[in-house]
Amino acid sequence: MKNHSLKGPSKSARSLKVGSVKMKNYKYFMVKKTSKGKQWVKADKTQTKCHNYLKDKIGENMKEFEKKKRYSSRSQAIAVSYSQTKKKFKKCNL
């Protein structure tokens, strides 16, 4: 019997963009392009930190949009979150 805990997330990697990150069993996996197509591989610590930072920034900026009306739209708040993350983690694949 195979050990299924080593596989990536249940969503097919083929249906996602290269660089997408998902979590399974408290481990992060990202989609990489290989000779066989797209596959799930374990994300390194930088990618994990980058993804967590992005999630936190989106949450913060969405609160600022809803309560303080700092941004003109939800999409602007999300775009600012991506640029803040990219500025902090230069090698992050978003």
C-alpha atoms as a PDB file:
ATOM      1  CA  MET A   1       0.000   0.000   0.000  1.00  0.00           C
ATOM      2  CA  LYS A   2       1.283   3.478  -0.877  1.00  0.00           C
ATOM      3  CA  ASN A   3       1.826   6.193   1.692  1.00  0.00           C
ATOM      4  CA  HIS A   4      -0.595   8.932   0.594  1.00  0.00           C
ATOM      5  CA  SER A   5       0.733  11.537   3.042  1.00  0.00           C
ATOM      6  CA  LEU A   6       3.682  12.200   0.724  1.00  0.00           C
ATOM      7  CA  LYS A   7       1.480  13.342  -2.154  1.00  0.00           C
ATOM      8  CA  GLY A   8       0.626  16.957  -2.718  1.00  0.00           C
ATOM      9  CA  PRO A   9      -2.791  18.568  -2.350  1.00  0.00           C
ATOM     10  CA  SER A  10      -5.826  16.866  -3.832  1.00  0.00           C
ATOM     11  CA  LYS A  11      -6.363  19.596  -6.462  1.00  0.00           C
ATOM     12  CA  SER A  12      -4.681  18.772  -9.748  1.00  0.00           C
ATOM     13  CA  ALA A  13      -1.453  20.680 -10.373  1.00  0.00           C
ATOM     14  CA  ARG A  14      -2.263  20.748 -14.098  1.00  0.00           C
ATOM     15  CA  SER A  15      -5.229  23.061 -13.492  1.00  0.00           C
ATOM     16  CA  LEU A  16      -3.176  25.680 -11.598  1.00  0.00           C
ATOM     17  CA  LYS A  17      -0.519  28.236 -12.537  1.00  0.00           C
ATOM     18  CA  VAL A  18       3.153  27.439 -12.019  1.00  0.00           C
ATOM     19  CA  GLY A  19       4.161  28.847  -8.634  1.00  0.00           C
ATOM     20  CA  SER A  20       0.768  28.326  -6.965  1.00  0.00           C
ATOM     21  CA  VAL A  21       1.095  27.301  -3.323  1.00  0.00           C
ATOM     22  CA  LYS A  22      -1.317  25.070  -1.359  1.00  0.00           C
ATOM     23  CA  MET A  23      -1.110  23.441   2.055  1.00  0.00           C
ATOM     24  CA  LYS A  24      -1.681  19.803   3.013  1.00  0.00           C
ATOM     25  CA  ASN A  25      -1.007  18.315   6.444  1.00  0.00           C
ATOM     26  CA  TYR A  26       0.655  21.574   7.591  1.00  0.00           C
ATOM     27  CA  LYS A  27       3.189  21.381   4.754  1.00  0.00           C
ATOM     28  CA  TYR A  28       3.282  23.730   1.796  1.00  0.00           C
ATOM     29  CA  PHE A  29       3.478  22.483  -1.766  1.00  0.00           C
ATOM     30  CA  MET A  30       3.929  24.503  -4.919  1.00  0.00           C
ATOM     31  CA  VAL A  31       3.321  23.789  -8.589  1.00  0.00           C
ATOM     32  CA  LYS A  32       6.500  23.414 -10.663  1.00  0.00           C
ATOM     33  CA  LYS A  33       6.899  22.726 -14.348  1.00  0.00           C
ATOM     34  CA  THR A  34       8.726  19.465 -14.996  1.00  0.00           C
ATOM     35  CA  SER A  35       9.473  17.369 -18.045  1.00  0.00           C
ATOM     36  CA  LYS A  36       6.265  15.430 -17.318  1.00  0.00           C
ATOM     37  CA  GLY A  37       4.160  18.599 -17.104  1.00  0.00           C
ATOM     38  CA  LYS A  38       3.140  20.346 -13.889  1.00  0.00           C
ATOM     39  CA  GLN A  39       3.625  18.619 -10.542  1.00  0.00           C
ATOM     40  CA  TRP A  40       3.362  19.348  -6.826  1.00  0.00           C
ATOM     41  CA  VAL A  41       6.705  19.705  -5.036  1.00  0.00           C
ATOM     42  CA  LYS A  42       7.460  20.686  -1.455  1.00  0.00           C
ATOM     43  CA  ALA A  43       7.862  24.441  -1.121  1.00  0.00           C
ATOM     44  CA  ASP A  44      11.040  25.743   0.455  1.00  0.00           C
ATOM     45  CA  LYS A  45      11.040  27.937   3.578  1.00  0.00           C
ATOM     46  CA  THR A  46      11.259  31.186   1.612  1.00  0.00           C
ATOM     47  CA  GLN A  47       8.164  30.321  -0.419  1.00  0.00           C
ATOM     48  CA  THR A  48       6.311  29.318   2.746  1.00  0.00           C
ATOM     49  CA  LYS A  49       7.212  32.577   4.507  1.00  0.00           C
ATOM     50  CA  CYS A  50       6.304  34.544   1.401  1.00  0.00           C
ATOM     51  CA  HIS A  51       2.902  32.871   1.130  1.00  0.00           C
ATOM     52  CA  ASN A  52       2.111  33.415   4.824  1.00  0.00           C
ATOM     53  CA  TYR A  53       3.170  37.066   4.606  1.00  0.00           C
ATOM     54  CA  LEU A  54       0.951  37.574   1.557  1.00  0.00           C
ATOM     55  CA  LYS A  55      -2.063  36.052   3.329  1.00  0.00           C
ATOM     56  CA  ASP A  56      -1.510  38.325   6.337  1.00  0.00           C
ATOM     57  CA  LYS A  57      -1.081  41.427   4.165  1.00  0.00           C
ATOM     58  CA  ILE A  58      -4.259  40.692   2.210  1.00  0.00           C
ATOM     59  CA  GLY A  59      -6.152  40.375   5.503  1.00  0.00           C
ATOM     60  CA  GLU A  60      -4.722  43.654   6.840  1.00  0.00           C
ATOM     61  CA  ASN A  61      -5.375  45.565   3.626  1.00  0.00           C
ATOM     62  CA  MET A  62      -8.916  44.222   3.301  1.00  0.00           C
ATOM     63  CA  LYS A  63      -9.670  45.431   6.851  1.00  0.00           C
ATOM     64  CA  GLU A  64      -8.280  48.849   5.957  1.00  0.00           C
ATOM     65  CA  PHE A  65     -10.442  48.893   2.822  1.00  0.00           C
ATOM     66  CA  GLU A  66     -13.617  47.955   4.698  1.00  0.00           C
ATOM     67  CA  LYS A  67     -13.169  50.105   7.814  1.00  0.00           C
ATOM     68  CA  LYS A  68     -10.949  53.026   6.856  1.00  0.00           C
ATOM     69  CA  LYS A  69     -11.752  53.184   3.122  1.00  0.00           C
ATOM     70  CA  ARG A  70      -8.037  53.561   2.458  1.00  0.00           C
ATOM     71  CA  TYR A  71      -8.277  51.815  -0.921  1.00  0.00           C
ATOM     72  CA  SER A  72     -10.769  52.540  -3.675  1.00  0.00           C
ATOM     73  CA  SER A  73     -11.599  48.862  -4.333  1.00  0.00           C
ATOM     74  CA  ARG A  74     -10.948  45.328  -3.118  1.00  0.00           C
ATOM     75  CA  SER A  75      -8.772  44.613  -6.117  1.00  0.00           C
ATOM     76  CA  GLN A  76      -6.580  47.626  -5.302  1.00  0.00           C
ATOM     77  CA  ALA A  77      -6.140  46.370  -1.714  1.00  0.00           C
ATOM     78  CA  ILE A  78      -5.097  42.948  -3.034  1.00  0.00           C
ATOM     79  CA  ALA A  79      -2.750  44.475  -5.626  1.00  0.00           C
ATOM     80  CA  VAL A  80      -1.061  46.534  -2.898  1.00  0.00           C
ATOM     81  CA  SER A  81      -0.663  43.344  -0.829  1.00  0.00           C
ATOM     82  CA  TYR A  82       1.093  41.623  -3.730  1.00  0.00           C
ATOM     83  CA  SER A  83       3.430  44.583  -4.281  1.00  0.00           C
ATOM     84  CA  GLN A  84       4.267  44.779  -0.546  1.00  0.00           C
ATOM     85  CA  THR A  85       5.066  41.057  -0.526  1.00  0.00           C
ATOM     86  CA  LYS A  86       7.149  41.291  -3.693  1.00  0.00           C
ATOM     87  CA  LYS A  87       9.091  44.193  -2.186  1.00  0.00           C
ATOM     88  CA  LYS A  88       9.925  42.230   0.976  1.00  0.00           C
ATOM     89  CA  PHE A  89      10.573  38.849  -0.712  1.00  0.00           C
ATOM     90  CA  LYS A  90      12.299  39.637  -4.005  1.00  0.00           C
ATOM     91  CA  LYS A  91      12.729  35.989  -5.037  1.00  0.00           C
ATOM     92  CA  CYS A  92       9.136  35.040  -4.238  1.00  0.00           C
ATOM     93  CA  ASN A  93       7.111  33.553  -7.103  1.00  0.00           C
ATOM     94  CA  LEU A  94       3.652  35.089  -6.887  1.00  0.00           C
END
